[in-house]
PDB file of N, CA and C in Angstrom:
ATOM      1  N   MET A   1     -22.605   5.076 -21.163  1.00  0.00           N
ATOM      2  CA  MET A   1     -22.295   6.017 -20.093  1.00  0.00           C
ATOM      3  C   MET A   1     -21.391   5.332 -19.071  1.00  0.00           C
ATOM      4  N   ALA A   2     -20.336   5.974 -18.676  1.00  0.00           N
ATOM      5  CA  ALA A   2     -19.377   5.417 -17.725  1.00  0.00           C
ATOM      6  C   ALA A   2     -19.950   5.458 -16.307  1.00  0.00           C
ATOM      7  N   ALA A   3     -19.644   4.432 -15.567  1.00  0.00           N
ATOM      8  CA  ALA A   3     -20.082   4.380 -14.167  1.00  0.00           C
ATOM      9  C   ALA A   3     -19.260   5.364 -13.352  1.00  0.00           C
ATOM     10  N   GLN A   4     -19.907   6.051 -12.444  1.00  0.00           N
ATOM     11  CA  GLN A   4     -19.210   6.985 -11.578  1.00  0.00           C
ATOM     12  C   GLN A   4     -18.899   6.295 -10.268  1.00  0.00           C
ATOM     13  N   ARG A   5     -17.747   6.623  -9.724  1.00  0.00           N
ATOM     14  CA  ARG A   5     -17.405   6.040  -8.438  1.00  0.00           C
ATOM     15  C   ARG A   5     -17.816   7.001  -7.334  1.00  0.00           C
ATOM     16  N   SER A   6     -18.157   6.440  -6.191  1.00  0.00           N
ATOM     17  CA  SER A   6     -18.575   7.265  -5.065  1.00  0.00           C
ATOM     18  C   SER A   6     -17.362   7.938  -4.432  1.00  0.00           C
ATOM     19  N   GLN A   7     -17.602   8.914  -3.613  1.00  0.00           N
ATOM     20  CA  GLN A   7     -16.526   9.642  -2.928  1.00  0.00           C
ATOM     21  C   GLN A   7     -15.747   8.739  -1.981  1.00  0.00           C
ATOM     22  N   ASP A   8     -16.407   7.704  -1.439  1.00  0.00           N
ATOM     23  CA  ASP A   8     -15.764   6.804  -0.483  1.00  0.00           C
ATOM     24  C   ASP A   8     -14.886   5.752  -1.163  1.00  0.00           C
ATOM     25  N   GLU A   9     -15.064   5.568  -2.447  1.00  0.00           N
ATOM     26  CA  GLU A   9     -14.319   4.556  -3.190  1.00  0.00           C
ATOM     27  C   GLU A   9     -12.948   5.092  -3.574  1.00  0.00           C
ATOM     28  N   PRO A  10     -11.888   4.383  -3.246  1.00  0.00           N
ATOM     29  CA  PRO A  10     -10.554   4.876  -3.609  1.00  0.00           C
ATOM     30  C   PRO A  10     -10.324   4.794  -5.116  1.00  0.00           C
ATOM     31  N   ALA A  11      -9.580   5.735  -5.630  1.00  0.00           N
ATOM     32  CA  ALA A  11      -9.227   5.738  -7.049  1.00  0.00           C
ATOM     33  C   ALA A  11      -8.070   4.776  -7.279  1.00  0.00           C
ATOM     34  N   LEU A  12      -7.946   4.316  -8.503  1.00  0.00           N
ATOM     35  CA  LEU A  12      -6.885   3.378  -8.842  1.00  0.00           C
ATOM     36  C   LEU A  12      -5.506   3.948  -8.517  1.00  0.00           C
ATOM     37  N   HIS A  13      -5.316   5.252  -8.691  1.00  0.00           N
ATOM     38  CA  HIS A  13      -4.002   5.848  -8.414  1.00  0.00           C
ATOM     39  C   HIS A  13      -3.694   5.922  -6.916  1.00  0.00           C
ATOM     40  N   ASP A  14      -4.659   5.573  -6.069  1.00  0.00           N
ATOM     41  CA  ASP A  14      -4.414   5.532  -4.625  1.00  0.00           C
ATOM     42  C   ASP A  14      -3.643   4.283  -4.220  1.00  0.00           C
ATOM     43  N   TYR A  15      -3.522   3.330  -5.133  1.00  0.00           N
ATOM     44  CA  TYR A  15      -2.846   2.063  -4.853  1.00  0.00           C
ATOM     45  C   TYR A  15      -1.466   2.042  -5.491  1.00  0.00           C
ATOM     46  N   LEU A  16      -0.491   1.513  -4.742  1.00  0.00           N
ATOM     47  CA  LEU A  16       0.895   1.502  -5.204  1.00  0.00           C
ATOM     48  C   LEU A  16       1.475   0.102  -5.110  1.00  0.00           C
ATOM     49  N   SER A  17       2.372  -0.196  -6.013  1.00  0.00           N
ATOM     50  CA  SER A  17       3.115  -1.450  -5.943  1.00  0.00           C
ATOM     51  C   SER A  17       4.197  -1.303  -4.871  1.00  0.00           C
ATOM     52  N   PRO A  18       4.779  -2.406  -4.428  1.00  0.00           N
ATOM     53  CA  PRO A  18       5.886  -2.299  -3.475  1.00  0.00           C
ATOM     54  C   PRO A  18       7.031  -1.425  -4.006  1.00  0.00           C
ATOM     55  N   ALA A  19       7.318  -1.501  -5.295  1.00  0.00           N
ATOM     56  CA  ALA A  19       8.384  -0.672  -5.872  1.00  0.00           C
ATOM     57  C   ALA A  19       8.039   0.809  -5.791  1.00  0.00           C
ATOM     58  N   GLU A  20       6.766   1.143  -6.006  1.00  0.00           N
ATOM     59  CA  GLU A  20       6.343   2.544  -5.908  1.00  0.00           C
ATOM     60  C   GLU A  20       6.403   3.036  -4.468  1.00  0.00           C
ATOM     61  N   VAL A  21       6.035   2.177  -3.528  1.00  0.00           N
ATOM     62  CA  VAL A  21       6.133   2.542  -2.107  1.00  0.00           C
ATOM     63  C   VAL A  21       7.600   2.772  -1.738  1.00  0.00           C
ATOM     64  N   ALA A  22       8.478   1.906  -2.223  1.00  0.00           N
ATOM     65  CA  ALA A  22       9.911   2.027  -1.925  1.00  0.00           C
ATOM     66  C   ALA A  22      10.479   3.346  -2.458  1.00  0.00           C
ATOM     67  N   LYS A  23       9.968   3.828  -3.568  1.00  0.00           N
ATOM     68  CA  LYS A  23      10.442   5.109  -4.121  1.00  0.00           C
ATOM     69  C   LYS A  23      10.017   6.296  -3.263  1.00  0.00           C
ATOM     70  N   ARG A  24       8.893   6.159  -2.558  1.00  0.00           N
ATOM     71  CA  ARG A  24       8.331   7.279  -1.786  1.00  0.00           C
ATOM     72  C   ARG A  24       8.655   7.232  -0.301  1.00  0.00           C
ATOM     73  N   THR A  25       9.222   6.122   0.156  1.00  0.00           N
ATOM     74  CA  THR A  25       9.510   5.950   1.581  1.00  0.00           C
ATOM     75  C   THR A  25      10.948   5.463   1.751  1.00  0.00           C
ATOM     76  N   PRO A  26      11.441   5.407   2.968  1.00  0.00           N
ATOM     77  CA  PRO A  26      12.801   4.891   3.181  1.00  0.00           C
ATOM     78  C   PRO A  26      12.881   3.365   3.172  1.00  0.00           C
ATOM     79  N   PHE A  27      11.802   2.668   2.856  1.00  0.00           N
ATOM     80  CA  PHE A  27      11.774   1.206   2.898  1.00  0.00           C
ATOM     81  C   PHE A  27      12.052   0.604   1.533  1.00  0.00           C
ATOM     82  N   THR A  28      12.846  -0.441   1.522  1.00  0.00           N
ATOM     83  CA  THR A  28      13.114  -1.151   0.275  1.00  0.00           C
ATOM     84  C   THR A  28      11.965  -2.127  -0.004  1.00  0.00           C
ATOM     85  N   VAL A  29      11.927  -2.617  -1.222  1.00  0.00           N
ATOM     86  CA  VAL A  29      10.930  -3.623  -1.585  1.00  0.00           C
ATOM     87  C   VAL A  29      11.102  -4.850  -0.693  1.00  0.00           C
ATOM     88  N   LYS A  30      12.339  -5.247  -0.460  1.00  0.00           N
ATOM     89  CA  LYS A  30      12.629  -6.414   0.384  1.00  0.00           C
ATOM     90  C   LYS A  30      12.166  -6.188   1.823  1.00  0.00           C
ATOM     91  N   ALA A  31      12.408  -4.997   2.355  1.00  0.00           N
ATOM     92  CA  ALA A  31      11.973  -4.690   3.725  1.00  0.00           C
ATOM     93  C   ALA A  31      10.451  -4.768   3.833  1.00  0.00           C
ATOM     94  N   LEU A  32       9.748  -4.271   2.832  1.00  0.00           N
ATOM     95  CA  LEU A  32       8.284  -4.360   2.834  1.00  0.00           C
ATOM     96  C   LEU A  32       7.836  -5.820   2.785  1.00  0.00           C
ATOM     97  N   GLU A  33       8.526  -6.615   1.993  1.00  0.00           N
ATOM     98  CA  GLU A  33       8.202  -8.041   1.886  1.00  0.00           C
ATOM     99  C   GLU A  33       8.394  -8.755   3.220  1.00  0.00           C
ATOM    100  N   VAL A  34       9.520  -8.492   3.858  1.00  0.00           N
ATOM    101  CA  VAL A  34       9.806  -9.127   5.149  1.00  0.00           C
ATOM    102  C   VAL A  34       8.766  -8.713   6.185  1.00  0.00           C
ATOM    103  N   LYS A  35       8.463  -7.423   6.259  1.00  0.00           N
ATOM    104  CA  LYS A  35       7.474  -6.939   7.218  1.00  0.00           C
ATOM    105  C   LYS A  35       6.097  -7.538   6.927  1.00  0.00           C
ATOM    106  N   ARG A  36       5.757  -7.664   5.648  1.00  0.00           N
ATOM    107  CA  ARG A  36       4.479  -8.258   5.265  1.00  0.00           C
ATOM    108  C   ARG A  36       4.391  -9.707   5.744  1.00  0.00           C
ATOM    109  N   HIS A  37       5.440 -10.474   5.528  1.00  0.00           N
ATOM    110  CA  HIS A  37       5.436 -11.882   5.926  1.00  0.00           C
ATOM    111  C   HIS A  37       5.456 -12.067   7.439  1.00  0.00           C
ATOM    112  N   LYS A  38       6.022 -11.122   8.162  1.00  0.00           N
ATOM    113  CA  LYS A  38       6.042 -11.190   9.624  1.00  0.00           C
ATOM    114  C   LYS A  38       4.773 -10.606  10.245  1.00  0.00           C
ATOM    115  N   GLY A  39       3.907 -10.022   9.408  1.00  0.00           N
ATOM    116  CA  GLY A  39       2.689  -9.403   9.920  1.00  0.00           C
ATOM    117  C   GLY A  39       2.938  -8.076  10.600  1.00  0.00           C
ATOM    118  N   GLN A  40       4.064  -7.445  10.290  1.00  0.00           N
ATOM    119  CA  GLN A  40       4.441  -6.189  10.936  1.00  0.00           C
ATOM    120  C   GLN A  40       4.300  -4.986  10.004  1.00  0.00           C
ATOM    121  N   GLY A  41       4.019  -5.217   8.764  1.00  0.00           N
ATOM    122  CA  GLY A  41       3.987  -4.146   7.784  1.00  0.00           C
ATOM    123  C   GLY A  41       2.630  -3.479   7.684  1.00  0.00           C
ATOM    124  N   PRO A  42       2.530  -2.547   6.765  1.00  0.00           N
ATOM    125  CA  PRO A  42       1.255  -1.867   6.545  1.00  0.00           C
ATOM    126  C   PRO A  42       0.240  -2.812   5.906  1.00  0.00           C
ATOM    127  N   LYS A  43      -1.010  -2.436   5.986  1.00  0.00           N
ATOM    128  CA  LYS A  43      -2.076  -3.210   5.364  1.00  0.00           C
ATOM    129  C   LYS A  43      -1.798  -3.315   3.861  1.00  0.00           C
ATOM    130  N   TRP A  44      -2.026  -4.493   3.301  1.00  0.00           N
ATOM    131  CA  TRP A  44      -1.778  -4.716   1.883  1.00  0.00           C
ATOM    132  C   TRP A  44      -2.930  -5.508   1.287  1.00  0.00           C
ATOM    133  N   HIS A  45      -2.974  -5.532  -0.026  1.00  0.00           N
ATOM    134  CA  HIS A  45      -4.032  -6.237  -0.743  1.00  0.00           C
ATOM    135  C   HIS A  45      -3.389  -7.066  -1.842  1.00  0.00           C
ATOM    136  N   ALA A  46      -3.984  -8.215  -2.106  1.00  0.00           N
ATOM    137  CA  ALA A  46      -3.541  -9.030  -3.235  1.00  0.00           C
ATOM    138  C   ALA A  46      -4.478  -8.748  -4.400  1.00  0.00           C
ATOM    139  N   CYS A  47      -3.900  -8.443  -5.519  1.00  0.00           N
ATOM    140  CA  CYS A  47      -4.654  -8.204  -6.748  1.00  0.00           C
ATOM    141  C   CYS A  47      -4.147  -9.247  -7.739  1.00  0.00           C
ATOM    142  N   GLY A  48      -4.804 -10.393  -7.742  1.00  0.00           N
ATOM    143  CA  GLY A  48      -4.256 -11.521  -8.482  1.00  0.00           C
ATOM    144  C   GLY A  48      -3.005 -11.986  -7.763  1.00  0.00           C
ATOM    145  N   ARG A  49      -1.889 -12.036  -8.471  1.00  0.00           N
ATOM    146  CA  ARG A  49      -0.622 -12.422  -7.849  1.00  0.00           C
ATOM    147  C   ARG A  49       0.186 -11.210  -7.407  1.00  0.00           C
ATOM    148  N   ARG A  50      -0.331 -10.041  -7.613  1.00  0.00           N
ATOM    149  CA  ARG A  50       0.404  -8.818  -7.270  1.00  0.00           C
ATOM    150  C   ARG A  50      -0.012  -8.292  -5.900  1.00  0.00           C
ATOM    151  N   ILE A  51       0.948  -7.705  -5.231  1.00  0.00           N
ATOM    152  CA  ILE A  51       0.709  -7.056  -3.942  1.00  0.00           C
ATOM    153  C   ILE A  51       0.576  -5.567  -4.202  1.00  0.00           C
ATOM    154  N   ILE A  52      -0.438  -4.956  -3.613  1.00  0.00           N
ATOM    155  CA  ILE A  52      -0.608  -3.511  -3.727  1.00  0.00           C
ATOM    156  C   ILE A  52      -0.883  -2.931  -2.345  1.00  0.00           C
ATOM    157  N   TYR A  53      -0.500  -1.696  -2.193  1.00  0.00           N
ATOM    158  CA  TYR A  53      -0.710  -0.958  -0.947  1.00  0.00           C
ATOM    159  C   TYR A  53      -1.530   0.285  -1.244  1.00  0.00           C
ATOM    160  N   LYS A  54      -2.420   0.622  -0.350  1.00  0.00           N
ATOM    161  CA  LYS A  54      -3.149   1.881  -0.443  1.00  0.00           C
ATOM    162  C   LYS A  54      -2.281   2.935   0.240  1.00  0.00           C
ATOM    163  N   TRP A  55      -2.059   4.046  -0.428  1.00  0.00           N
ATOM    164  CA  TRP A  55      -1.153   5.069   0.098  1.00  0.00           C
ATOM    165  C   TRP A  55      -1.569   5.532   1.491  1.00  0.00           C
ATOM    166  N   SER A  56      -2.857   5.709   1.726  1.00  0.00           N
ATOM    167  CA  SER A  56      -3.300   6.164   3.055  1.00  0.00           C
ATOM    168  C   SER A  56      -2.965   5.140   4.138  1.00  0.00           C
ATOM    169  N   ASP A  57      -2.935   3.844   3.794  1.00  0.00           N
ATOM    170  CA  ASP A  57      -2.534   2.819   4.766  1.00  0.00           C
ATOM    171  C   ASP A  57      -1.045   2.911   5.082  1.00  0.00           C
ATOM    172  N   ILE A  58      -0.242   3.244   4.084  1.00  0.00           N
ATOM    173  CA  ILE A  58       1.203   3.427   4.302  1.00  0.00           C
ATOM    174  C   ILE A  58       1.429   4.599   5.254  1.00  0.00           C
ATOM    175  N   VAL A  59       0.772   5.713   4.977  1.00  0.00           N
ATOM    176  CA  VAL A  59       0.923   6.915   5.806  1.00  0.00           C
ATOM    177  C   VAL A  59       0.474   6.634   7.234  1.00  0.00           C
ATOM    178  N   ALA A  60      -0.672   5.965   7.385  1.00  0.00           N
ATOM    179  CA  ALA A  60      -1.185   5.651   8.732  1.00  0.00           C
ATOM    180  C   ALA A  60      -0.220   4.754   9.490  1.00  0.00           C
ATOM    181  N   TRP A  61       0.354   3.769   8.808  1.00  0.00           N
ATOM    182  CA  TRP A  61       1.308   2.844   9.421  1.00  0.00           C
ATOM    183  C   TRP A  61       2.550   3.598   9.907  1.00  0.00           C
ATOM    184  N   ILE A  62       3.055   4.488   9.099  1.00  0.00           N
ATOM    185  CA  ILE A  62       4.240   5.276   9.471  1.00  0.00           C
ATOM    186  C   ILE A  62       3.897   6.193  10.650  1.00  0.00           C
ATOM    187  N   GLU A  63       2.744   6.846  10.597  1.00  0.00           N
ATOM    188  CA  GLU A  63       2.344   7.765  11.667  1.00  0.00           C
ATOM    189  C   GLU A  63       2.111   7.044  12.997  1.00  0.00           C
ATOM    190  N   ARG A  64       1.701   5.785  12.957  1.00  0.00           N
ATOM    191  CA  ARG A  64       1.511   5.013  14.185  1.00  0.00           C
ATOM    192  C   ARG A  64       2.843   4.586  14.787  1.00  0.00           C
ATOM    193  N   GLY A  65       3.923   4.837  14.057  1.00  0.00           N
ATOM    194  CA  GLY A  65       5.242   4.492  14.572  1.00  0.00           C
ATOM    195  C   GLY A  65       5.592   3.033  14.415  1.00  0.00           C
ATOM    196  N   ARG A  66       4.911   2.345  13.499  1.00  0.00           N
ATOM    197  CA  ARG A  66       5.166   0.926  13.291  1.00  0.00           C
ATOM    198  C   ARG A  66       6.297   0.671  12.313  1.00  0.00           C
ATOM    199  N   ALA A  67       6.732   1.710  11.661  1.00  0.00           N
ATOM    200  CA  ALA A  67       7.761   1.552  10.624  1.00  0.00           C
ATOM    201  C   ALA A  67       9.103   1.221  11.210  1.00  0.00           C
TER     202      ALA A  67
END
């Protein structure tokens, strides 16, 4: 039997790579990288050696006017 995830747990499709974020926003992958290293970008997570963003964190960051 497969484990069920709770309503509070984000689904895997809620997470995007920097390239996927760049396709959906006006920011390039490089711009996201620079902002991440300066501590000015949206919240991000490391998944092994990969960087991933939760879509709701991207939206919140843009809405706060930090973009």
